[in-house]
Amino acid sequence: MAVNDVRILILCKTYPSPSGRYTETTCVAGMDESGRLVRLFPVPSRLIAKGHQLKKWQWIKAKVEKAKKDHRPESFTIKVDTIDGGEVVLPGKGWAERRRLLSPIKVYCDFLDIEAARLATNQSLALLKPACIIGLEIEPVSDPEWTEEELAKLRSRSRGSLRR
């Protein structure tokens, strides 16, 4: 598969999870310069050198290739050693700039519309604007520590120390 140089705006990322195959991994969602949503996986967030770690709302340049085992159209594998971090779009620049950057992305107002798009195009990333926000509930996890199984995955694959 072709490896391409791309510029991606990082929009969100999952919390790092232990992985038997990748040591530790994160899934990252972003958009390219044309406004196409992209998924980057696996991303070993805390194993990336400090100057190259991905920040939300940061433009990066990197080499990516279509994910071989993930057939969703927006899924790519990033060549971690090619990450070149760029500017971070700070809220201080105004939320208007962030909204402008997101403007090429189709905004959905209903989960049924997202599902229809998924069935038609196989897309699995979308931007959803809720009609209203009823509330936000934040609850502590029942067990904040990693399980022995997860720790074993980290220990078996880790070449260096993991930052927490």
N, C-alpha and C. Protein backbone atom coordinates (compact mmCIF):
# COMPACT_ATOMS: atom_id res chain seq x y z
N MET A 1 0.83 -1.18 0.00
CA MET A 1 0.00 0.00 0.00
C MET A 1 0.88 1.24 0.00
N ALA A 2 0.35 2.30 -0.55
CA ALA A 2 1.10 3.54 -0.67
C ALA A 2 1.22 4.26 0.67
N VAL A 3 2.40 4.81 0.88
CA VAL A 3 2.64 5.64 2.06
C VAL A 3 2.58 7.09 1.58
N ASN A 4 1.76 7.90 2.26
CA ASN A 4 1.56 9.29 1.84
C ASN A 4 1.97 10.25 2.94
N ASP A 5 2.51 11.40 2.51
CA ASP A 5 2.77 12.49 3.44
C ASP A 5 1.47 13.27 3.59
N VAL A 6 1.03 13.47 4.82
CA VAL A 6 -0.22 14.18 5.06
C VAL A 6 -0.03 15.20 6.17
N ARG A 7 -0.96 16.13 6.18
CA ARG A 7 -1.05 17.11 7.27
C ARG A 7 -2.39 16.86 7.92
N ILE A 8 -2.39 16.62 9.23
CA ILE A 8 -3.60 16.23 9.95
C ILE A 8 -3.77 17.13 11.17
N LEU A 9 -5.01 17.56 11.39
CA LEU A 9 -5.37 18.29 12.60
C LEU A 9 -5.91 17.26 13.59
N ILE A 10 -5.23 17.10 14.72
CA ILE A 10 -5.65 16.13 15.74
C ILE A 10 -6.88 16.67 16.46
N LEU A 11 -7.95 15.91 16.47
CA LEU A 11 -9.20 16.36 17.09
C LEU A 11 -9.46 15.69 18.44
N CYS A 12 -9.20 14.41 18.55
CA CYS A 12 -9.41 13.74 19.83
C CYS A 12 -8.60 12.45 19.86
N LYS A 13 -8.43 11.92 21.06
CA LYS A 13 -7.69 10.67 21.21
C LYS A 13 -8.20 9.93 22.43
N THR A 14 -8.08 8.62 22.37
CA THR A 14 -8.52 7.80 23.49
C THR A 14 -7.42 7.73 24.54
N TYR A 15 -7.79 7.30 25.73
CA TYR A 15 -6.82 7.09 26.80
C TYR A 15 -5.96 5.88 26.44
N PRO A 16 -4.65 5.93 26.69
CA PRO A 16 -3.80 4.78 26.35
C PRO A 16 -4.25 3.50 27.05
N SER A 17 -4.21 2.41 26.30
CA SER A 17 -4.58 1.09 26.84
C SER A 17 -3.45 0.11 26.60
N PRO A 18 -3.22 -0.78 27.53
CA PRO A 18 -2.20 -1.81 27.31
C PRO A 18 -2.61 -2.71 26.15
N SER A 19 -1.63 -3.16 25.40
CA SER A 19 -1.89 -4.02 24.25
C SER A 19 -0.82 -5.10 24.18
N GLY A 20 -1.24 -6.33 24.05
CA GLY A 20 -0.29 -7.42 23.91
C GLY A 20 0.50 -7.33 22.63
N ARG A 21 -0.08 -6.75 21.61
CA ARG A 21 0.58 -6.65 20.30
C ARG A 21 1.41 -5.39 20.15
N TYR A 22 0.90 -4.26 20.66
CA TYR A 22 1.56 -2.97 20.44
C TYR A 22 2.13 -2.35 21.71
N THR A 23 2.20 -3.06 22.82
CA THR A 23 2.61 -2.58 24.13
C THR A 23 1.53 -1.69 24.73
N GLU A 24 1.37 -0.51 24.18
CA GLU A 24 0.35 0.41 24.65
C GLU A 24 -0.16 1.15 23.43
N THR A 25 -1.46 1.40 23.39
CA THR A 25 -1.98 2.00 22.19
C THR A 25 -3.10 3.00 22.47
N THR A 26 -3.23 3.94 21.56
CA THR A 26 -4.27 4.96 21.58
C THR A 26 -4.85 5.04 20.18
N CYS A 27 -6.11 5.36 20.08
CA CYS A 27 -6.74 5.63 18.79
C CYS A 27 -6.93 7.14 18.70
N VAL A 28 -6.54 7.71 17.58
CA VAL A 28 -6.58 9.16 17.39
C VAL A 28 -7.47 9.49 16.20
N ALA A 29 -8.33 10.49 16.36
CA ALA A 29 -9.15 10.96 15.25
C ALA A 29 -8.73 12.37 14.89
N GLY A 30 -8.72 12.63 13.61
CA GLY A 30 -8.35 13.96 13.13
C GLY A 30 -8.97 14.20 11.77
N MET A 31 -8.52 15.26 11.14
CA MET A 31 -9.00 15.56 9.79
C MET A 31 -7.81 16.03 8.96
N ASP A 32 -7.84 15.68 7.68
CA ASP A 32 -6.77 16.15 6.80
C ASP A 32 -7.12 17.55 6.29
N GLU A 33 -6.25 18.10 5.48
CA GLU A 33 -6.45 19.48 5.02
C GLU A 33 -7.69 19.66 4.15
N SER A 34 -8.17 18.58 3.55
CA SER A 34 -9.38 18.68 2.73
C SER A 34 -10.65 18.57 3.57
N GLY A 35 -10.51 18.29 4.86
CA GLY A 35 -11.67 18.16 5.73
C GLY A 35 -12.15 16.74 5.88
N ARG A 36 -11.40 15.78 5.38
CA ARG A 36 -11.78 14.37 5.50
C ARG A 36 -11.35 13.86 6.88
N LEU A 37 -12.28 13.21 7.58
CA LEU A 37 -11.95 12.63 8.88
C LEU A 37 -11.05 11.43 8.70
N VAL A 38 -10.08 11.27 9.63
CA VAL A 38 -9.15 10.14 9.59
C VAL A 38 -9.03 9.54 10.98
N ARG A 39 -8.81 8.24 11.00
CA ARG A 39 -8.54 7.50 12.24
C ARG A 39 -7.11 7.00 12.14
N LEU A 40 -6.33 7.25 13.19
CA LEU A 40 -4.96 6.77 13.24
C LEU A 40 -4.87 5.71 14.35
N PHE A 41 -4.44 4.52 13.98
CA PHE A 41 -4.34 3.43 14.95
C PHE A 41 -3.35 2.41 14.45
N PRO A 42 -2.51 1.88 15.27
CA PRO A 42 -2.30 2.18 16.68
C PRO A 42 -1.32 3.34 16.85
N VAL A 43 -1.53 4.13 17.86
CA VAL A 43 -0.63 5.22 18.21
C VAL A 43 -0.13 4.97 19.63
N PRO A 44 1.15 4.66 19.80
CA PRO A 44 1.70 4.40 21.14
C PRO A 44 2.01 5.72 21.85
N SER A 45 0.99 6.44 22.25
CA SER A 45 1.11 7.82 22.74
C SER A 45 2.27 8.08 23.68
N ARG A 46 2.30 7.35 24.79
CA ARG A 46 3.32 7.67 25.80
C ARG A 46 4.69 7.12 25.45
N LEU A 47 4.79 6.35 24.38
CA LEU A 47 6.08 5.84 23.94
C LEU A 47 6.70 6.73 22.88
N ILE A 48 5.97 7.72 22.41
CA ILE A 48 6.48 8.67 21.42
C ILE A 48 7.36 9.68 22.14
N ALA A 49 8.47 10.04 21.53
CA ALA A 49 9.38 11.02 22.13
C ALA A 49 8.62 12.30 22.48
N LYS A 50 9.00 12.92 23.59
CA LYS A 50 8.25 14.08 24.10
C LYS A 50 7.98 15.15 23.06
N GLY A 51 8.92 15.50 22.24
CA GLY A 51 8.72 16.55 21.26
C GLY A 51 7.80 16.18 20.11
N HIS A 52 7.41 14.90 20.03
CA HIS A 52 6.59 14.43 18.91
C HIS A 52 5.22 13.94 19.34
N GLN A 53 4.91 14.00 20.63
CA GLN A 53 3.60 13.54 21.09
C GLN A 53 2.49 14.42 20.52
N LEU A 54 1.36 13.79 20.27
CA LEU A 54 0.24 14.48 19.64
C LEU A 54 -0.60 15.22 20.67
N LYS A 55 -0.97 16.45 20.34
CA LYS A 55 -1.83 17.25 21.20
C LYS A 55 -3.14 17.51 20.45
N LYS A 56 -4.23 17.60 21.21
CA LYS A 56 -5.50 17.93 20.57
C LYS A 56 -5.39 19.32 19.96
N TRP A 57 -6.01 19.48 18.80
CA TRP A 57 -6.02 20.73 18.04
C TRP A 57 -4.64 21.11 17.53
N GLN A 58 -3.78 20.12 17.33
CA GLN A 58 -2.45 20.37 16.77
C GLN A 58 -2.39 19.87 15.33
N TRP A 59 -1.82 20.69 14.46
CA TRP A 59 -1.53 20.25 13.10
C TRP A 59 -0.23 19.47 13.15
N ILE A 60 -0.23 18.29 12.52
CA ILE A 60 1.00 17.51 12.40
C ILE A 60 1.22 17.16 10.93
N LYS A 61 2.46 16.86 10.61
CA LYS A 61 2.79 16.26 9.32
C LYS A 61 3.36 14.89 9.64
N ALA A 62 2.97 13.90 8.85
CA ALA A 62 3.47 12.54 9.07
C ALA A 62 3.21 11.70 7.83
N LYS A 63 3.85 10.56 7.80
CA LYS A 63 3.60 9.58 6.75
C LYS A 63 2.55 8.60 7.29
N VAL A 64 1.54 8.33 6.47
CA VAL A 64 0.50 7.37 6.84
C VAL A 64 0.25 6.44 5.67
N GLU A 65 -0.30 5.29 5.99
CA GLU A 65 -0.75 4.37 4.93
C GLU A 65 -2.09 3.79 5.34
N LYS A 66 -2.87 3.41 4.37
CA LYS A 66 -4.18 2.82 4.63
C LYS A 66 -3.97 1.61 5.52
N ALA A 67 -4.77 1.50 6.57
CA ALA A 67 -4.67 0.36 7.49
C ALA A 67 -4.95 -0.93 6.73
N LYS A 68 -4.10 -1.91 6.92
CA LYS A 68 -4.24 -3.16 6.19
C LYS A 68 -5.37 -4.03 6.73
N LYS A 69 -5.57 -4.01 8.05
CA LYS A 69 -6.55 -4.91 8.65
C LYS A 69 -7.85 -4.21 9.03
N ASP A 70 -7.95 -2.93 8.75
CA ASP A 70 -9.16 -2.17 9.07
C ASP A 70 -9.68 -1.60 7.76
N HIS A 71 -10.81 -2.11 7.33
CA HIS A 71 -11.33 -1.75 6.00
C HIS A 71 -12.20 -0.50 6.00
N ARG A 72 -12.37 0.13 7.15
CA ARG A 72 -13.12 1.38 7.17
C ARG A 72 -12.31 2.43 6.41
N PRO A 73 -12.97 3.21 5.57
CA PRO A 73 -12.24 4.10 4.66
C PRO A 73 -11.37 5.15 5.33
N GLU A 74 -11.68 5.52 6.57
CA GLU A 74 -10.92 6.58 7.22
C GLU A 74 -9.81 6.05 8.13
N SER A 75 -9.54 4.75 8.12
CA SER A 75 -8.55 4.16 9.01
C SER A 75 -7.17 4.08 8.38
N PHE A 76 -6.18 4.64 9.09
CA PHE A 76 -4.81 4.69 8.62
C PHE A 76 -3.84 4.29 9.73
N THR A 77 -2.67 3.83 9.32
CA THR A 77 -1.57 3.56 10.24
C THR A 77 -0.57 4.69 10.07
N ILE A 78 -0.14 5.27 11.18
CA ILE A 78 0.81 6.37 11.14
C ILE A 78 2.22 5.84 11.36
N LYS A 79 3.16 6.36 10.63
CA LYS A 79 4.58 6.04 10.83
C LYS A 79 5.07 6.99 11.93
N VAL A 80 5.08 6.49 13.16
CA VAL A 80 5.32 7.32 14.34
C VAL A 80 6.63 8.10 14.25
N ASP A 81 7.65 7.49 13.69
CA ASP A 81 8.95 8.18 13.62
C ASP A 81 8.98 9.32 12.61
N THR A 82 7.88 9.53 11.86
CA THR A 82 7.84 10.63 10.90
C THR A 82 7.02 11.81 11.38
N ILE A 83 6.48 11.73 12.60
CA ILE A 83 5.62 12.80 13.10
C ILE A 83 6.41 14.08 13.27
N ASP A 84 5.89 15.14 12.66
CA ASP A 84 6.47 16.47 12.79
C ASP A 84 5.37 17.38 13.32
N GLY A 85 5.45 17.70 14.60
CA GLY A 85 4.41 18.50 15.24
C GLY A 85 4.44 19.94 14.77
N GLY A 86 3.28 20.49 14.58
CA GLY A 86 3.14 21.87 14.16
C GLY A 86 2.39 22.68 15.18
N GLU A 87 1.79 23.75 14.70
CA GLU A 87 1.09 24.67 15.60
C GLU A 87 -0.14 24.03 16.23
N VAL A 88 -0.43 24.47 17.45
CA VAL A 88 -1.64 24.07 18.14
C VAL A 88 -2.63 25.23 18.02
N VAL A 89 -3.85 24.92 17.59
CA VAL A 89 -4.88 25.94 17.47
C VAL A 89 -5.47 26.15 18.86
N LEU A 90 -5.00 27.15 19.55
CA LEU A 90 -5.39 27.40 20.93
C LEU A 90 -6.76 28.06 21.02
N PRO A 91 -7.48 27.81 22.11
CA PRO A 91 -8.76 28.49 22.27
C PRO A 91 -8.58 30.00 22.33
N GLY A 92 -7.39 30.45 22.73
CA GLY A 92 -7.12 31.88 22.79
C GLY A 92 -7.25 32.55 21.43
N LYS A 93 -7.04 31.77 20.36
CA LYS A 93 -7.24 32.30 19.00
C LYS A 93 -8.72 32.49 18.73
N GLY A 94 -9.51 31.97 19.62
CA GLY A 94 -10.95 32.08 19.45
C GLY A 94 -11.53 30.78 18.95
N TRP A 95 -12.67 30.43 19.50
CA TRP A 95 -13.35 29.22 19.05
C TRP A 95 -13.81 29.37 17.61
N ALA A 96 -13.90 30.58 17.12
CA ALA A 96 -14.31 30.79 15.74
C ALA A 96 -13.31 30.14 14.78
N GLU A 97 -12.04 30.18 15.11
CA GLU A 97 -11.03 29.55 14.25
C GLU A 97 -11.21 28.04 14.24
N ARG A 98 -11.48 27.46 15.38
CA ARG A 98 -11.71 26.01 15.42
C ARG A 98 -12.96 25.64 14.63
N ARG A 99 -14.02 26.43 14.77
CA ARG A 99 -15.24 26.17 13.99
C ARG A 99 -14.96 26.29 12.49
N ARG A 100 -14.16 27.28 12.11
CA ARG A 100 -13.81 27.46 10.69
C ARG A 100 -13.08 26.23 10.17
N LEU A 101 -12.15 25.71 10.96
CA LEU A 101 -11.39 24.53 10.55
C LEU A 101 -12.29 23.31 10.37
N LEU A 102 -13.30 23.21 11.21
CA LEU A 102 -14.23 22.07 11.12
C LEU A 102 -15.30 22.23 10.03
N SER A 103 -15.40 23.42 9.46
CA SER A 103 -16.49 23.70 8.52
C SER A 103 -16.58 22.76 7.31
N PRO A 104 -15.49 22.17 6.80
CA PRO A 104 -15.65 21.25 5.66
C PRO A 104 -16.30 19.92 6.03
N ILE A 105 -16.36 19.61 7.33
CA ILE A 105 -16.90 18.32 7.76
C ILE A 105 -18.43 18.41 7.83
N LYS A 106 -19.07 17.41 7.25
CA LYS A 106 -20.54 17.34 7.34
C LYS A 106 -20.92 17.15 8.80
N VAL A 107 -21.86 17.94 9.26
CA VAL A 107 -22.35 17.85 10.64
C VAL A 107 -23.69 17.13 10.62
N TYR A 108 -23.79 16.10 11.45
CA TYR A 108 -25.04 15.34 11.57
C TYR A 108 -25.77 15.78 12.83
N CYS A 109 -27.08 15.76 12.76
CA CYS A 109 -27.91 16.14 13.91
C CYS A 109 -28.68 14.96 14.47
N ASP A 110 -28.51 13.79 13.85
CA ASP A 110 -29.30 12.64 14.24
C ASP A 110 -28.48 11.36 14.03
N PHE A 111 -28.54 10.46 14.99
CA PHE A 111 -27.82 9.19 14.87
C PHE A 111 -28.31 8.37 13.68
N LEU A 112 -29.59 8.49 13.34
CA LEU A 112 -30.12 7.74 12.20
C LEU A 112 -29.46 8.19 10.90
N ASP A 113 -29.16 9.49 10.78
CA ASP A 113 -28.47 9.98 9.58
C ASP A 113 -27.03 9.46 9.52
N ILE A 114 -26.39 9.37 10.67
CA ILE A 114 -25.04 8.81 10.72
C ILE A 114 -25.07 7.34 10.30
N GLU A 115 -26.04 6.61 10.80
CA GLU A 115 -26.16 5.20 10.44
C GLU A 115 -26.44 5.03 8.95
N ALA A 116 -27.28 5.88 8.37
CA ALA A 116 -27.55 5.81 6.93
C ALA A 116 -26.27 6.08 6.14
N ALA A 117 -25.47 7.05 6.58
CA ALA A 117 -24.20 7.34 5.90
C ALA A 117 -23.25 6.16 6.03
N ARG A 118 -23.24 5.52 7.20
CA ARG A 118 -22.36 4.36 7.40
C ARG A 118 -22.75 3.23 6.46
N LEU A 119 -24.04 2.99 6.32
CA LEU A 119 -24.50 1.93 5.44
C LEU A 119 -24.19 2.24 3.98
N ALA A 120 -24.26 3.51 3.60
CA ALA A 120 -24.04 3.91 2.21
C ALA A 120 -22.55 3.97 1.85
N THR A 121 -21.72 4.42 2.78
CA THR A 121 -20.31 4.69 2.44
C THR A 121 -19.29 3.92 3.27
N ASN A 122 -19.75 3.21 4.29
CA ASN A 122 -18.89 2.48 5.22
C ASN A 122 -18.12 3.42 6.15
N GLN A 123 -18.44 4.71 6.15
CA GLN A 123 -17.74 5.64 7.04
C GLN A 123 -18.13 5.33 8.48
N SER A 124 -17.17 5.49 9.37
CA SER A 124 -17.46 5.18 10.77
C SER A 124 -17.06 6.31 11.71
N LEU A 125 -16.66 7.43 11.17
CA LEU A 125 -16.40 8.63 11.96
C LEU A 125 -17.36 9.71 11.50
N ALA A 126 -17.86 10.48 12.43
CA ALA A 126 -18.79 11.55 12.08
C ALA A 126 -18.75 12.63 13.14
N LEU A 127 -19.20 13.80 12.76
CA LEU A 127 -19.33 14.92 13.69
C LEU A 127 -20.81 15.08 13.99
N LEU A 128 -21.17 14.91 15.26
CA LEU A 128 -22.56 14.96 15.69
C LEU A 128 -22.80 16.22 16.51
N LYS A 129 -23.81 16.98 16.12
CA LYS A 129 -24.22 18.16 16.89
C LYS A 129 -25.54 17.82 17.57
N PRO A 130 -25.51 17.61 18.88
CA PRO A 130 -26.76 17.24 19.55
C PRO A 130 -27.75 18.40 19.55
N ALA A 131 -29.03 18.06 19.50
CA ALA A 131 -30.08 19.08 19.54
C ALA A 131 -30.03 19.83 20.87
N CYS A 132 -29.80 19.09 21.94
CA CYS A 132 -29.64 19.73 23.25
C CYS A 132 -28.81 18.81 24.13
N ILE A 133 -28.16 19.40 25.08
CA ILE A 133 -27.38 18.62 26.04
C ILE A 133 -28.16 18.61 27.34
N ILE A 134 -28.55 17.45 27.74
CA ILE A 134 -29.37 17.30 28.94
C ILE A 134 -28.50 17.36 30.19
N GLY A 135 -27.30 16.83 30.11
CA GLY A 135 -26.43 16.82 31.28
C GLY A 135 -25.13 16.12 30.98
N LEU A 136 -24.25 16.16 31.94
CA LEU A 136 -22.96 15.49 31.84
C LEU A 136 -22.72 14.80 33.17
N GLU A 137 -22.54 13.50 33.12
CA GLU A 137 -22.28 12.75 34.34
C GLU A 137 -20.87 12.21 34.28
N ILE A 138 -20.10 12.55 35.29
CA ILE A 138 -18.73 12.05 35.39
C ILE A 138 -18.66 11.19 36.64
N GLU A 139 -18.33 9.93 36.44
CA GLU A 139 -18.24 9.00 37.55
C GLU A 139 -16.86 8.37 37.57
N PRO A 140 -16.31 8.17 38.74
CA PRO A 140 -15.02 7.48 38.80
C PRO A 140 -15.19 6.04 38.34
N VAL A 141 -14.16 5.52 37.70
CA VAL A 141 -14.21 4.13 37.27
C VAL A 141 -14.17 3.23 38.49
N SER A 142 -14.73 2.05 38.36
CA SER A 142 -14.80 1.13 39.50
C SER A 142 -13.41 0.67 39.92
N ASP A 143 -12.51 0.50 38.96
CA ASP A 143 -11.15 0.07 39.28
C ASP A 143 -10.18 0.90 38.44
N PRO A 144 -9.64 1.99 39.00
CA PRO A 144 -8.80 2.88 38.20
C PRO A 144 -7.44 2.30 37.83
N GLU A 145 -7.04 1.24 38.49
CA GLU A 145 -5.74 0.63 38.19
C GLU A 145 -5.90 -0.41 37.09
N TRP A 146 -4.82 -0.58 36.32
CA TRP A 146 -4.85 -1.61 35.29
C TRP A 146 -4.86 -2.98 35.95
N THR A 147 -5.49 -3.92 35.27
CA THR A 147 -5.56 -5.29 35.79
C THR A 147 -4.19 -5.95 35.66
N GLU A 148 -4.03 -7.07 36.34
CA GLU A 148 -2.76 -7.82 36.23
C GLU A 148 -2.54 -8.26 34.79
N GLU A 149 -3.61 -8.61 34.09
CA GLU A 149 -3.49 -9.03 32.69
C GLU A 149 -2.97 -7.87 31.82
N GLU A 150 -3.51 -6.67 32.04
CA GLU A 150 -3.06 -5.51 31.28
C GLU A 150 -1.61 -5.17 31.61
N LEU A 151 -1.25 -5.23 32.88
CA LEU A 151 0.12 -4.96 33.29
C LEU A 151 1.08 -6.00 32.69
N ALA A 152 0.65 -7.24 32.62
CA ALA A 152 1.48 -8.28 32.02
C ALA A 152 1.75 -7.99 30.55
N LYS A 153 0.73 -7.48 29.84
CA LYS A 153 0.92 -7.09 28.43
C LYS A 153 1.98 -6.02 28.32
N LEU A 154 1.89 -5.03 29.20
CA LEU A 154 2.87 -3.94 29.18
C LEU A 154 4.27 -4.43 29.48
N ARG A 155 4.39 -5.27 30.49
CA ARG A 155 5.71 -5.77 30.90
C ARG A 155 6.33 -6.65 29.83
N SER A 156 5.51 -7.46 29.16
CA SER A 156 6.04 -8.41 28.18
C SER A 156 6.54 -7.72 26.92
N ARG A 157 5.99 -6.58 26.58
CA ARG A 157 6.34 -5.90 25.33
C ARG A 157 7.18 -4.66 25.53
N SER A 158 7.23 -4.15 26.74
CA SER A 158 7.88 -2.86 26.98
C SER A 158 9.39 -2.97 26.84
N ARG A 159 9.97 -2.05 26.07
CA ARG A 159 11.41 -1.96 25.92
C ARG A 159 11.99 -0.89 26.83
N GLY A 160 11.14 0.03 27.23
CA GLY A 160 11.58 1.13 28.10
C GLY A 160 10.52 1.37 29.12
N SER A 161 10.66 2.44 29.82
CA SER A 161 9.66 2.73 30.84
C SER A 161 8.48 3.46 30.19
N LEU A 162 7.31 3.22 30.73
CA LEU A 162 6.12 3.92 30.27
C LEU A 162 5.86 5.07 31.20
N ARG A 163 5.53 6.23 30.61
CA ARG A 163 5.22 7.40 31.42
C ARG A 163 3.75 7.35 31.76
N ARG A 164 3.42 7.71 32.97
CA ARG A 164 2.02 7.77 33.39
C ARG A 164 1.60 9.17 33.58
